[in-house]
Amino acid sequence: MTDQKEMEAASHHIVSPVIYVVILFALLVGTAATVWASYVDLGVFNPILAIGIACTKATLVVLFFMHVKYSSRLTKLTVFCGVFTFLTLIGMTLADYISRAWGSW
């Protein structure tokens, strides 16, 4: 009986427009931070900062605009598996790139 109530509650969750405005404001601040970071010379930390801001913005979009925050555990598991697979492939690519001898490490 609990599963039925949980499924009904998850399928009928209504998000307040205020939340959407707050998330929109956060995304605009993130965009402004990305533009600001592009003009500041941080050396090797420029791409790290840009990727950090982009990941934060992508997380906000996935959680709130795609309603993953209010979805079932199966949807959250699916998103987690996708992110895990992506990070595994990126890690394997970087491991191959770093192991090559043509860089001046």
PDB file of N, CA and C in Angstrom:
ATOM      1  N   MET A   1       0.819  -1.189   0.000  1.00  0.00           N
ATOM      2  CA  MET A   1       0.000   0.000   0.000  1.00  0.00           C
ATOM      3  C   MET A   1       0.867   1.258   0.000  1.00  0.00           C
ATOM      4  N   THR A   2       2.000   1.215   0.659  1.00  0.00           N
ATOM      5  CA  THR A   2       2.885   2.376   0.714  1.00  0.00           C
ATOM      6  C   THR A   2       3.443   2.704  -0.662  1.00  0.00           C
ATOM      7  N   ASP A   3       3.765   1.683  -1.452  1.00  0.00           N
ATOM      8  CA  ASP A   3       4.295   1.919  -2.783  1.00  0.00           C
ATOM      9  C   ASP A   3       3.295   2.650  -3.667  1.00  0.00           C
ATOM     10  N   GLN A   4       2.015   2.295  -3.531  1.00  0.00           N
ATOM     11  CA  GLN A   4       0.984   2.958  -4.319  1.00  0.00           C
ATOM     12  C   GLN A   4       0.886   4.438  -3.954  1.00  0.00           C
ATOM     13  N   LYS A   5       0.909   4.745  -2.670  1.00  0.00           N
ATOM     14  CA  LYS A   5       0.845   6.142  -2.227  1.00  0.00           C
ATOM     15  C   LYS A   5       2.095   6.905  -2.654  1.00  0.00           C
ATOM     16  N   GLU A   6       3.240   6.242  -2.565  1.00  0.00           N
ATOM     17  CA  GLU A   6       4.494   6.876  -2.961  1.00  0.00           C
ATOM     18  C   GLU A   6       4.498   7.193  -4.449  1.00  0.00           C
ATOM     19  N   MET A   7       3.980   6.293  -5.267  1.00  0.00           N
ATOM     20  CA  MET A   7       3.925   6.522  -6.701  1.00  0.00           C
ATOM     21  C   MET A   7       2.950   7.655  -7.039  1.00  0.00           C
ATOM     22  N   GLU A   8       1.819   7.708  -6.347  1.00  0.00           N
ATOM     23  CA  GLU A   8       0.859   8.784  -6.597  1.00  0.00           C
ATOM     24  C   GLU A   8       1.427  10.129  -6.178  1.00  0.00           C
ATOM     25  N   ALA A   9       2.133  10.160  -5.064  1.00  0.00           N
ATOM     26  CA  ALA A   9       2.725  11.414  -4.595  1.00  0.00           C
ATOM     27  C   ALA A   9       3.817  11.888  -5.545  1.00  0.00           C
ATOM     28  N   ALA A  10       4.588  10.974  -6.088  1.00  0.00           N
ATOM     29  CA  ALA A  10       5.670  11.352  -6.996  1.00  0.00           C
ATOM     30  C   ALA A  10       5.131  11.822  -8.341  1.00  0.00           C
ATOM     31  N   SER A  11       4.045  11.241  -8.797  1.00  0.00           N
ATOM     32  CA  SER A  11       3.532  11.604 -10.113  1.00  0.00           C
ATOM     33  C   SER A  11       2.739  12.905 -10.094  1.00  0.00           C
ATOM     34  N   HIS A  12       2.290  13.347  -8.929  1.00  0.00           N
ATOM     35  CA  HIS A  12       1.466  14.548  -8.843  1.00  0.00           C
ATOM     36  C   HIS A  12       2.154  15.689  -8.108  1.00  0.00           C
ATOM     37  N   HIS A  13       3.465  15.660  -8.056  1.00  0.00           N
ATOM     38  CA  HIS A  13       4.171  16.723  -7.358  1.00  0.00           C
ATOM     39  C   HIS A  13       4.138  18.005  -8.192  1.00  0.00           C
ATOM     40  N   ILE A  14       3.733  19.090  -7.569  1.00  0.00           N
ATOM     41  CA  ILE A  14       3.641  20.375  -8.264  1.00  0.00           C
ATOM     42  C   ILE A  14       4.728  21.285  -7.701  1.00  0.00           C
ATOM     43  N   VAL A  15       5.531  21.824  -8.596  1.00  0.00           N
ATOM     44  CA  VAL A  15       6.623  22.703  -8.205  1.00  0.00           C
ATOM     45  C   VAL A  15       6.130  24.143  -8.288  1.00  0.00           C
ATOM     46  N   SER A  16       6.431  24.897  -7.266  1.00  0.00           N
ATOM     47  CA  SER A  16       6.022  26.296  -7.216  1.00  0.00           C
ATOM     48  C   SER A  16       6.778  27.120  -8.267  1.00  0.00           C
ATOM     49  N   PRO A  17       6.126  28.090  -8.872  1.00  0.00           N
ATOM     50  CA  PRO A  17       6.831  28.955  -9.826  1.00  0.00           C
ATOM     51  C   PRO A  17       7.980  29.729  -9.186  1.00  0.00           C
ATOM     52  N   VAL A  18       7.912  29.942  -7.893  1.00  0.00           N
ATOM     53  CA  VAL A  18       8.990  30.640  -7.187  1.00  0.00           C
ATOM     54  C   VAL A  18      10.288  29.835  -7.293  1.00  0.00           C
ATOM     55  N   ILE A  19      10.167  28.512  -7.200  1.00  0.00           N
ATOM     56  CA  ILE A  19      11.363  27.657  -7.312  1.00  0.00           C
ATOM     57  C   ILE A  19      11.980  27.821  -8.688  1.00  0.00           C
ATOM     58  N   TYR A  20      11.141  27.855  -9.718  1.00  0.00           N
ATOM     59  CA  TYR A  20      11.660  28.024 -11.080  1.00  0.00           C
ATOM     60  C   TYR A  20      12.366  29.371 -11.242  1.00  0.00           C
ATOM     61  N   VAL A  21      11.841  30.408 -10.633  1.00  0.00           N
ATOM     62  CA  VAL A  21      12.467  31.733 -10.722  1.00  0.00           C
ATOM     63  C   VAL A  21      13.802  31.732  -9.991  1.00  0.00           C
ATOM     64  N   VAL A  22      13.854  31.088  -8.839  1.00  0.00           N
ATOM     65  CA  VAL A  22      15.111  31.012  -8.077  1.00  0.00           C
ATOM     66  C   VAL A  22      16.159  30.236  -8.873  1.00  0.00           C
ATOM     67  N   ILE A  23      15.761  29.115  -9.481  1.00  0.00           N
ATOM     68  CA  ILE A  23      16.698  28.331 -10.280  1.00  0.00           C
ATOM     69  C   ILE A  23      17.135  29.116 -11.504  1.00  0.00           C
ATOM     70  N   LEU A  24      16.198  29.835 -12.137  1.00  0.00           N
ATOM     71  CA  LEU A  24      16.558  30.683 -13.276  1.00  0.00           C
ATOM     72  C   LEU A  24      17.582  31.729 -12.867  1.00  0.00           C
ATOM     73  N   PHE A  25      17.373  32.360 -11.724  1.00  0.00           N
ATOM     74  CA  PHE A  25      18.327  33.354 -11.227  1.00  0.00           C
ATOM     75  C   PHE A  25      19.695  32.713 -10.969  1.00  0.00           C
ATOM     76  N   ALA A  26      19.698  31.506 -10.387  1.00  0.00           N
ATOM     77  CA  ALA A  26      20.965  30.811 -10.127  1.00  0.00           C
ATOM     78  C   ALA A  26      21.680  30.476 -11.433  1.00  0.00           C
ATOM     79  N   LEU A  27      20.927  30.083 -12.463  1.00  0.00           N
ATOM     80  CA  LEU A  27      21.543  29.788 -13.762  1.00  0.00           C
ATOM     81  C   LEU A  27      22.096  31.051 -14.411  1.00  0.00           C
ATOM     82  N   LEU A  28      21.392  32.169 -14.264  1.00  0.00           N
ATOM     83  CA  LEU A  28      21.905  33.428 -14.803  1.00  0.00           C
ATOM     84  C   LEU A  28      23.164  33.876 -14.068  1.00  0.00           C
ATOM     85  N   VAL A  29      23.192  33.690 -12.758  1.00  0.00           N
ATOM     86  CA  VAL A  29      24.400  34.009 -11.988  1.00  0.00           C
ATOM     87  C   VAL A  29      25.548  33.095 -12.425  1.00  0.00           C
ATOM     88  N   GLY A  30      25.252  31.816 -12.661  1.00  0.00           N
ATOM     89  CA  GLY A  30      26.281  30.895 -13.144  1.00  0.00           C
ATOM     90  C   GLY A  30      26.814  31.284 -14.517  1.00  0.00           C
ATOM     91  N   THR A  31      25.923  31.764 -15.379  1.00  0.00           N
ATOM     92  CA  THR A  31      26.364  32.224 -16.701  1.00  0.00           C
ATOM     93  C   THR A  31      27.248  33.458 -16.572  1.00  0.00           C
ATOM     94  N   ALA A  32      26.842  34.386 -15.703  1.00  0.00           N
ATOM     95  CA  ALA A  32      27.665  35.583 -15.475  1.00  0.00           C
ATOM     96  C   ALA A  32      29.020  35.203 -14.880  1.00  0.00           C
ATOM     97  N   ALA A  33      29.035  34.218 -13.986  1.00  0.00           N
ATOM     98  CA  ALA A  33      30.305  33.763 -13.402  1.00  0.00           C
ATOM     99  C   ALA A  33      31.196  33.119 -14.459  1.00  0.00           C
ATOM    100  N   THR A  34      30.600  32.407 -15.398  1.00  0.00           N
ATOM    101  CA  THR A  34      31.377  31.808 -16.476  1.00  0.00           C
ATOM    102  C   THR A  34      31.999  32.883 -17.363  1.00  0.00           C
ATOM    103  N   VAL A  35      31.217  33.909 -17.696  1.00  0.00           N
ATOM    104  CA  VAL A  35      31.744  35.003 -18.514  1.00  0.00           C
ATOM    105  C   VAL A  35      32.846  35.736 -17.758  1.00  0.00           C
ATOM    106  N   TRP A  36      32.621  35.998 -16.475  1.00  0.00           N
ATOM    107  CA  TRP A  36      33.643  36.672 -15.664  1.00  0.00           C
ATOM    108  C   TRP A  36      34.925  35.841 -15.617  1.00  0.00           C
ATOM    109  N   ALA A  37      34.783  34.521 -15.423  1.00  0.00           N
ATOM    110  CA  ALA A  37      35.959  33.657 -15.321  1.00  0.00           C
ATOM    111  C   ALA A  37      36.730  33.593 -16.633  1.00  0.00           C
ATOM    112  N   SER A  38      36.049  33.836 -17.748  1.00  0.00           N
ATOM    113  CA  SER A  38      36.756  33.793 -19.028  1.00  0.00           C
ATOM    114  C   SER A  38      37.683  34.992 -19.208  1.00  0.00           C
ATOM    115  N   TYR A  39      37.420  36.073 -18.502  1.00  0.00           N
ATOM    116  CA  TYR A  39      38.263  37.262 -18.603  1.00  0.00           C
ATOM    117  C   TYR A  39      39.374  37.303 -17.555  1.00  0.00           C
ATOM    118  N   VAL A  40      39.299  36.448 -16.548  1.00  0.00           N
ATOM    119  CA  VAL A  40      40.307  36.419 -15.490  1.00  0.00           C
ATOM    120  C   VAL A  40      41.338  35.346 -15.830  1.00  0.00           C
ATOM    121  N   ASP A  41      42.610  35.701 -15.709  1.00  0.00           N
ATOM    122  CA  ASP A  41      43.674  34.740 -16.005  1.00  0.00           C
ATOM    123  C   ASP A  41      44.009  33.960 -14.734  1.00  0.00           C
ATOM    124  N   LEU A  42      43.518  32.728 -14.681  1.00  0.00           N
ATOM    125  CA  LEU A  42      43.795  31.865 -13.535  1.00  0.00           C
ATOM    126  C   LEU A  42      44.772  30.745 -13.890  1.00  0.00           C
ATOM    127  N   GLY A  43      45.352  30.832 -15.065  1.00  0.00           N
ATOM    128  CA  GLY A  43      46.309  29.806 -15.485  1.00  0.00           C
ATOM    129  C   GLY A  43      45.605  28.500 -15.784  1.00  0.00           C
ATOM    130  N   VAL A  44      46.118  27.424 -15.187  1.00  0.00           N
ATOM    131  CA  VAL A  44      45.552  26.102 -15.437  1.00  0.00           C
ATOM    132  C   VAL A  44      44.198  25.910 -14.751  1.00  0.00           C
ATOM    133  N   PHE A  45      43.804  26.827 -13.882  1.00  0.00           N
ATOM    134  CA  PHE A  45      42.542  26.678 -13.166  1.00  0.00           C
ATOM    135  C   PHE A  45      41.344  27.234 -13.932  1.00  0.00           C
ATOM    136  N   ASN A  46      41.555  27.914 -15.061  1.00  0.00           N
ATOM    137  CA  ASN A  46      40.436  28.425 -15.853  1.00  0.00           C
ATOM    138  C   ASN A  46      39.498  27.306 -16.315  1.00  0.00           C
ATOM    139  N   PRO A  47      40.010  26.237 -16.952  1.00  0.00           N
ATOM    140  CA  PRO A  47      39.076  25.182 -17.360  1.00  0.00           C
ATOM    141  C   PRO A  47      38.442  24.460 -16.182  1.00  0.00           C
ATOM    142  N   ILE A  48      39.170  24.343 -15.086  1.00  0.00           N
ATOM    143  CA  ILE A  48      38.623  23.679 -13.903  1.00  0.00           C
ATOM    144  C   ILE A  48      37.446  24.481 -13.356  1.00  0.00           C
ATOM    145  N   LEU A  49      37.606  25.793 -13.271  1.00  0.00           N
ATOM    146  CA  LEU A  49      36.521  26.651 -12.802  1.00  0.00           C
ATOM    147  C   LEU A  49      35.336  26.616 -13.759  1.00  0.00           C
ATOM    148  N   ALA A  50      35.604  26.668 -15.057  1.00  0.00           N
ATOM    149  CA  ALA A  50      34.522  26.648 -16.047  1.00  0.00           C
ATOM    150  C   ALA A  50      33.749  25.325 -15.994  1.00  0.00           C
ATOM    151  N   ILE A  51      34.450  24.217 -15.856  1.00  0.00           N
ATOM    152  CA  ILE A  51      33.784  22.921 -15.780  1.00  0.00           C
ATOM    153  C   ILE A  51      33.006  22.805 -14.474  1.00  0.00           C
ATOM    154  N   GLY A  52      33.537  23.338 -13.396  1.00  0.00           N
ATOM    155  CA  GLY A  52      32.812  23.318 -12.119  1.00  0.00           C
ATOM    156  C   GLY A  52      31.510  24.098 -12.194  1.00  0.00           C
ATOM    157  N   ILE A  53      31.557  25.273 -12.802  1.00  0.00           N
ATOM    158  CA  ILE A  53      30.338  26.074 -12.956  1.00  0.00           C
ATOM    159  C   ILE A  53      29.358  25.357 -13.875  1.00  0.00           C
ATOM    160  N   ALA A  54      29.841  24.780 -14.958  1.00  0.00           N
ATOM    161  CA  ALA A  54      28.969  24.072 -15.902  1.00  0.00           C
ATOM    162  C   ALA A  54      28.314  22.853 -15.248  1.00  0.00           C
ATOM    163  N   CYS A  55      29.062  22.130 -14.446  1.00  0.00           N
ATOM    164  CA  CYS A  55      28.490  20.969 -13.753  1.00  0.00           C
ATOM    165  C   CYS A  55      27.424  21.380 -12.750  1.00  0.00           C
ATOM    166  N   THR A  56      27.665  22.482 -12.060  1.00  0.00           N
ATOM    167  CA  THR A  56      26.666  22.992 -11.119  1.00  0.00           C
ATOM    168  C   THR A  56      25.386  23.386 -11.844  1.00  0.00           C
ATOM    169  N   LYS A  57      25.521  24.084 -12.961  1.00  0.00           N
ATOM    170  CA  LYS A  57      24.351  24.483 -13.731  1.00  0.00           C
ATOM    171  C   LYS A  57      23.620  23.269 -14.298  1.00  0.00           C
ATOM    172  N   ALA A  58      24.357  22.289 -14.783  1.00  0.00           N
ATOM    173  CA  ALA A  58      23.727  21.081 -15.323  1.00  0.00           C
ATOM    174  C   ALA A  58      22.988  20.316 -14.234  1.00  0.00           C
ATOM    175  N   THR A  59      23.545  20.284 -13.040  1.00  0.00           N
ATOM    176  CA  THR A  59      22.883  19.617 -11.927  1.00  0.00           C
ATOM    177  C   THR A  59      21.570  20.306 -11.583  1.00  0.00           C
ATOM    178  N   LEU A  60      21.561  21.627 -11.568  1.00  0.00           N
ATOM    179  CA  LEU A  60      20.319  22.359 -11.298  1.00  0.00           C
ATOM    180  C   LEU A  60      19.267  22.064 -12.362  1.00  0.00           C
ATOM    181  N   VAL A  61      19.679  22.028 -13.618  1.00  0.00           N
ATOM    182  CA  VAL A  61      18.729  21.753 -14.700  1.00  0.00           C
ATOM    183  C   VAL A  61      18.158  20.345 -14.570  1.00  0.00           C
ATOM    184  N   VAL A  62      19.016  19.364 -14.318  1.00  0.00           N
ATOM    185  CA  VAL A  62      18.552  17.982 -14.215  1.00  0.00           C
ATOM    186  C   VAL A  62      17.639  17.805 -13.005  1.00  0.00           C
ATOM    187  N   LEU A  63      18.011  18.370 -11.875  1.00  0.00           N
ATOM    188  CA  LEU A  63      17.217  18.175 -10.663  1.00  0.00           C
ATOM    189  C   LEU A  63      15.868  18.867 -10.724  1.00  0.00           C
ATOM    190  N   PHE A  64      15.830  20.109 -11.184  1.00  0.00           N
ATOM    191  CA  PHE A  64      14.597  20.879 -11.074  1.00  0.00           C
ATOM    192  C   PHE A  64      13.805  20.949 -12.376  1.00  0.00           C
ATOM    193  N   PHE A  65      14.432  21.274 -13.499  1.00  0.00           N
ATOM    194  CA  PHE A  65      13.681  21.404 -14.741  1.00  0.00           C
ATOM    195  C   PHE A  65      13.297  20.040 -15.315  1.00  0.00           C
ATOM    196  N   MET A  66      14.104  19.021 -15.051  1.00  0.00           N
ATOM    197  CA  MET A  66      13.759  17.677 -15.519  1.00  0.00           C
ATOM    198  C   MET A  66      13.058  16.875 -14.426  1.00  0.00           C
ATOM    199  N   HIS A  67      12.818  17.485 -13.278  1.00  0.00           N
ATOM    200  CA  HIS A  67      12.052  16.920 -12.155  1.00  0.00           C
ATOM    201  C   HIS A  67      12.640  15.631 -11.601  1.00  0.00           C
ATOM    202  N   VAL A  68      13.942  15.458 -11.703  1.00  0.00           N
ATOM    203  CA  VAL A  68      14.565  14.253 -11.155  1.00  0.00           C
ATOM    204  C   VAL A  68      14.535  14.279  -9.630  1.00  0.00           C
ATOM    205  N   LYS A  69      14.571  15.455  -9.054  1.00  0.00           N
ATOM    206  CA  LYS A  69      14.542  15.568  -7.592  1.00  0.00           C
ATOM    207  C   LYS A  69      13.266  14.964  -7.021  1.00  0.00           C
ATOM    208  N   TYR A  70      12.171  15.080  -7.747  1.00  0.00           N
ATOM    209  CA  TYR A  70      10.880  14.605  -7.263  1.00  0.00           C
ATOM    210  C   TYR A  70      10.455  13.293  -7.897  1.00  0.00           C
ATOM    211  N   SER A  71      11.363  12.646  -8.612  1.00  0.00           N
ATOM    212  CA  SER A  71      11.038  11.404  -9.319  1.00  0.00           C
ATOM    213  C   SER A  71      11.259  10.195  -8.428  1.00  0.00           C
ATOM    214  N   SER A  72      10.955   9.038  -8.996  1.00  0.00           N
ATOM    215  CA  SER A  72      11.117   7.788  -8.261  1.00  0.00           C
ATOM    216  C   SER A  72      12.596   7.431  -8.134  1.00  0.00           C
ATOM    217  N   ARG A  73      12.850   6.450  -7.308  1.00  0.00           N
ATOM    218  CA  ARG A  73      14.231   6.006  -7.109  1.00  0.00           C
ATOM    219  C   ARG A  73      14.798   5.381  -8.375  1.00  0.00           C
ATOM    220  N   LEU A  74      13.946   4.779  -9.192  1.00  0.00           N
ATOM    221  CA  LEU A  74      14.408   4.180 -10.443  1.00  0.00           C
ATOM    222  C   LEU A  74      14.932   5.255 -11.396  1.00  0.00           C
ATOM    223  N   THR A  75      14.251   6.379 -11.460  1.00  0.00           N
ATOM    224  CA  THR A  75      14.720   7.476 -12.313  1.00  0.00           C
ATOM    225  C   THR A  75      16.040   8.027 -11.789  1.00  0.00           C
ATOM    226  N   LYS A  76      16.151   8.185 -10.488  1.00  0.00           N
ATOM    227  CA  LYS A  76      17.402   8.674  -9.895  1.00  0.00           C
ATOM    228  C   LYS A  76      18.540   7.689 -10.150  1.00  0.00           C
ATOM    229  N   LEU A  77      18.252   6.394 -10.066  1.00  0.00           N
ATOM    230  CA  LEU A  77      19.265   5.378 -10.348  1.00  0.00           C
ATOM    231  C   LEU A  77      19.700   5.433 -11.809  1.00  0.00           C
ATOM    232  N   THR A  78      18.758   5.655 -12.707  1.00  0.00           N
ATOM    233  CA  THR A  78      19.077   5.752 -14.134  1.00  0.00           C
ATOM    234  C   THR A  78      19.992   6.943 -14.407  1.00  0.00           C
ATOM    235  N   VAL A  79      19.689   8.080 -13.803  1.00  0.00           N
ATOM    236  CA  VAL A  79      20.534   9.270 -13.972  1.00  0.00           C
ATOM    237  C   VAL A  79      21.917   9.011 -13.384  1.00  0.00           C
ATOM    238  N   PHE A  80      21.973   8.412 -12.207  1.00  0.00           N
ATOM    239  CA  PHE A  80      23.256   8.103 -11.583  1.00  0.00           C
ATOM    240  C   PHE A  80      24.085   7.172 -12.461  1.00  0.00           C
ATOM    241  N   CYS A  81      23.454   6.151 -13.031  1.00  0.00           N
ATOM    242  CA  CYS A  81      24.186   5.208 -13.892  1.00  0.00           C
ATOM    243  C   CYS A  81      24.723   5.902 -15.138  1.00  0.00           C
ATOM    244  N   GLY A  82      23.951   6.818 -15.696  1.00  0.00           N
ATOM    245  CA  GLY A  82      24.429   7.573 -16.851  1.00  0.00           C
ATOM    246  C   GLY A  82      25.631   8.435 -16.517  1.00  0.00           C
ATOM    247  N   VAL A  83      25.572   9.114 -15.381  1.00  0.00           N
ATOM    248  CA  VAL A  83      26.691   9.960 -14.961  1.00  0.00           C
ATOM    249  C   VAL A  83      27.914   9.099 -14.639  1.00  0.00           C
ATOM    250  N   PHE A  84      27.693   7.971 -13.985  1.00  0.00           N
ATOM    251  CA  PHE A  84      28.800   7.072 -13.649  1.00  0.00           C
ATOM    252  C   PHE A  84      29.473   6.541 -14.915  1.00  0.00           C
ATOM    253  N   THR A  85      28.677   6.152 -15.903  1.00  0.00           N
ATOM    254  CA  THR A  85      29.238   5.661 -17.164  1.00  0.00           C
ATOM    255  C   THR A  85      30.032   6.757 -17.865  1.00  0.00           C
ATOM    256  N   PHE A  86      29.489   7.959 -17.890  1.00  0.00           N
ATOM    257  CA  PHE A  86      30.189   9.082 -18.512  1.00  0.00           C
ATOM    258  C   PHE A  86      31.525   9.347 -17.821  1.00  0.00           C
ATOM    259  N   LEU A  87      31.529   9.391 -16.497  1.00  0.00           N
ATOM    260  CA  LEU A  87      32.775   9.650 -15.771  1.00  0.00           C
ATOM    261  C   LEU A  87      33.783   8.510 -15.952  1.00  0.00           C
ATOM    262  N   THR A  88      33.301   7.280 -16.047  1.00  0.00           N
ATOM    263  CA  THR A  88      34.203   6.156 -16.290  1.00  0.00           C
ATOM    264  C   THR A  88      34.875   6.284 -17.655  1.00  0.00           C
ATOM    265  N   LEU A  89      34.106   6.624 -18.671  1.00  0.00           N
ATOM    266  CA  LEU A  89      34.682   6.779 -20.009  1.00  0.00           C
ATOM    267  C   LEU A  89      35.657   7.950 -20.072  1.00  0.00           C
ATOM    268  N   ILE A  90      35.330   9.052 -19.416  1.00  0.00           N
ATOM    269  CA  ILE A  90      36.252  10.193 -19.375  1.00  0.00           C
ATOM    270  C   ILE A  90      37.527   9.804 -18.632  1.00  0.00           C
ATOM    271  N   GLY A  91      37.387   9.086 -17.528  1.00  0.00           N
ATOM    272  CA  GLY A  91      38.559   8.641 -16.773  1.00  0.00           C
ATOM    273  C   GLY A  91      39.454   7.722 -17.587  1.00  0.00           C
ATOM    274  N   MET A  92      38.848   6.814 -18.334  1.00  0.00           N
ATOM    275  CA  MET A  92      39.645   5.921 -19.173  1.00  0.00           C
ATOM    276  C   MET A  92      40.341   6.693 -20.293  1.00  0.00           C
ATOM    277  N   THR A  93      39.664   7.674 -20.855  1.00  0.00           N
ATOM    278  CA  THR A  93      40.284   8.500 -21.898  1.00  0.00           C
ATOM    279  C   THR A  93      41.455   9.287 -21.338  1.00  0.00           C
ATOM    280  N   LEU A  94      41.277   9.883 -20.173  1.00  0.00           N
ATOM    281  CA  LEU A  94      42.369  10.661 -19.575  1.00  0.00           C
ATOM    282  C   LEU A  94      43.528   9.770 -19.142  1.00  0.00           C
ATOM    283  N   ALA A  95      43.228   8.566 -18.683  1.00  0.00           N
ATOM    284  CA  ALA A  95      44.305   7.639 -18.311  1.00  0.00           C
ATOM    285  C   ALA A  95      45.144   7.279 -19.537  1.00  0.00           C
ATOM    286  N   ASP A  96      44.496   7.088 -20.669  1.00  0.00           N
ATOM    287  CA  ASP A  96      45.231   6.800 -21.898  1.00  0.00           C
ATOM    288  C   ASP A  96      46.043   8.015 -22.339  1.00  0.00           C
ATOM    289  N   TYR A  97      45.452   9.179 -22.235  1.00  0.00           N
ATOM    290  CA  TYR A  97      46.131  10.402 -22.668  1.00  0.00           C
ATOM    291  C   TYR A  97      47.360  10.695 -21.804  1.00  0.00           C
ATOM    292  N   ILE A  98      47.240  10.529 -20.510  1.00  0.00           N
ATOM    293  CA  ILE A  98      48.345  10.823 -19.593  1.00  0.00           C
ATOM    294  C   ILE A  98      49.462   9.785 -19.721  1.00  0.00           C
ATOM    295  N   SER A  99      49.114   8.541 -20.065  1.00  0.00           N
ATOM    296  CA  SER A  99      50.127   7.496 -20.142  1.00  0.00           C
ATOM    297  C   SER A  99      50.994   7.579 -21.395  1.00  0.00           C
ATOM    298  N   ARG A 100      50.677   8.417 -22.309  1.00  0.00           N
ATOM    299  CA  ARG A 100      51.487   8.527 -23.529  1.00  0.00           C
ATOM    300  C   ARG A 100      52.745   9.334 -23.264  1.00  0.00           C
ATOM    301  N   ALA A 101      53.783   9.042 -24.007  1.00  0.00           N
ATOM    302  CA  ALA A 101      55.101   9.634 -23.739  1.00  0.00           C
ATOM    303  C   ALA A 101      55.329  10.939 -24.485  1.00  0.00           C
ATOM    304  N   TRP A 102      54.362  11.427 -25.285  1.00  0.00           N
ATOM    305  CA  TRP A 102      54.625  12.610 -26.063  1.00  0.00           C
ATOM    306  C   TRP A 102      54.366  13.903 -25.323  1.00  0.00           C
ATOM    307  N   GLY A 103      54.053  13.842 -24.059  1.00  0.00           N
ATOM    308  CA  GLY A 103      53.902  15.050 -23.260  1.00  0.00           C
ATOM    309  C   GLY A 103      55.155  15.324 -22.465  1.00  0.00           C
ATOM    310  N   SER A 104      55.334  16.555 -22.078  1.00  0.00           N
ATOM    311  CA  SER A 104      56.505  16.885 -21.250  1.00  0.00           C
ATOM    312  C   SER A 104      56.054  16.972 -19.801  1.00  0.00           C
ATOM    313  N   TRP A 105      55.830  15.829 -19.187  1.00  0.00           N
ATOM    314  CA  TRP A 105      55.336  15.771 -17.821  1.00  0.00           C
ATOM    315  C   TRP A 105      56.482  15.964 -16.921  1.00  0.00           C
TER     316      TRP A 105
END
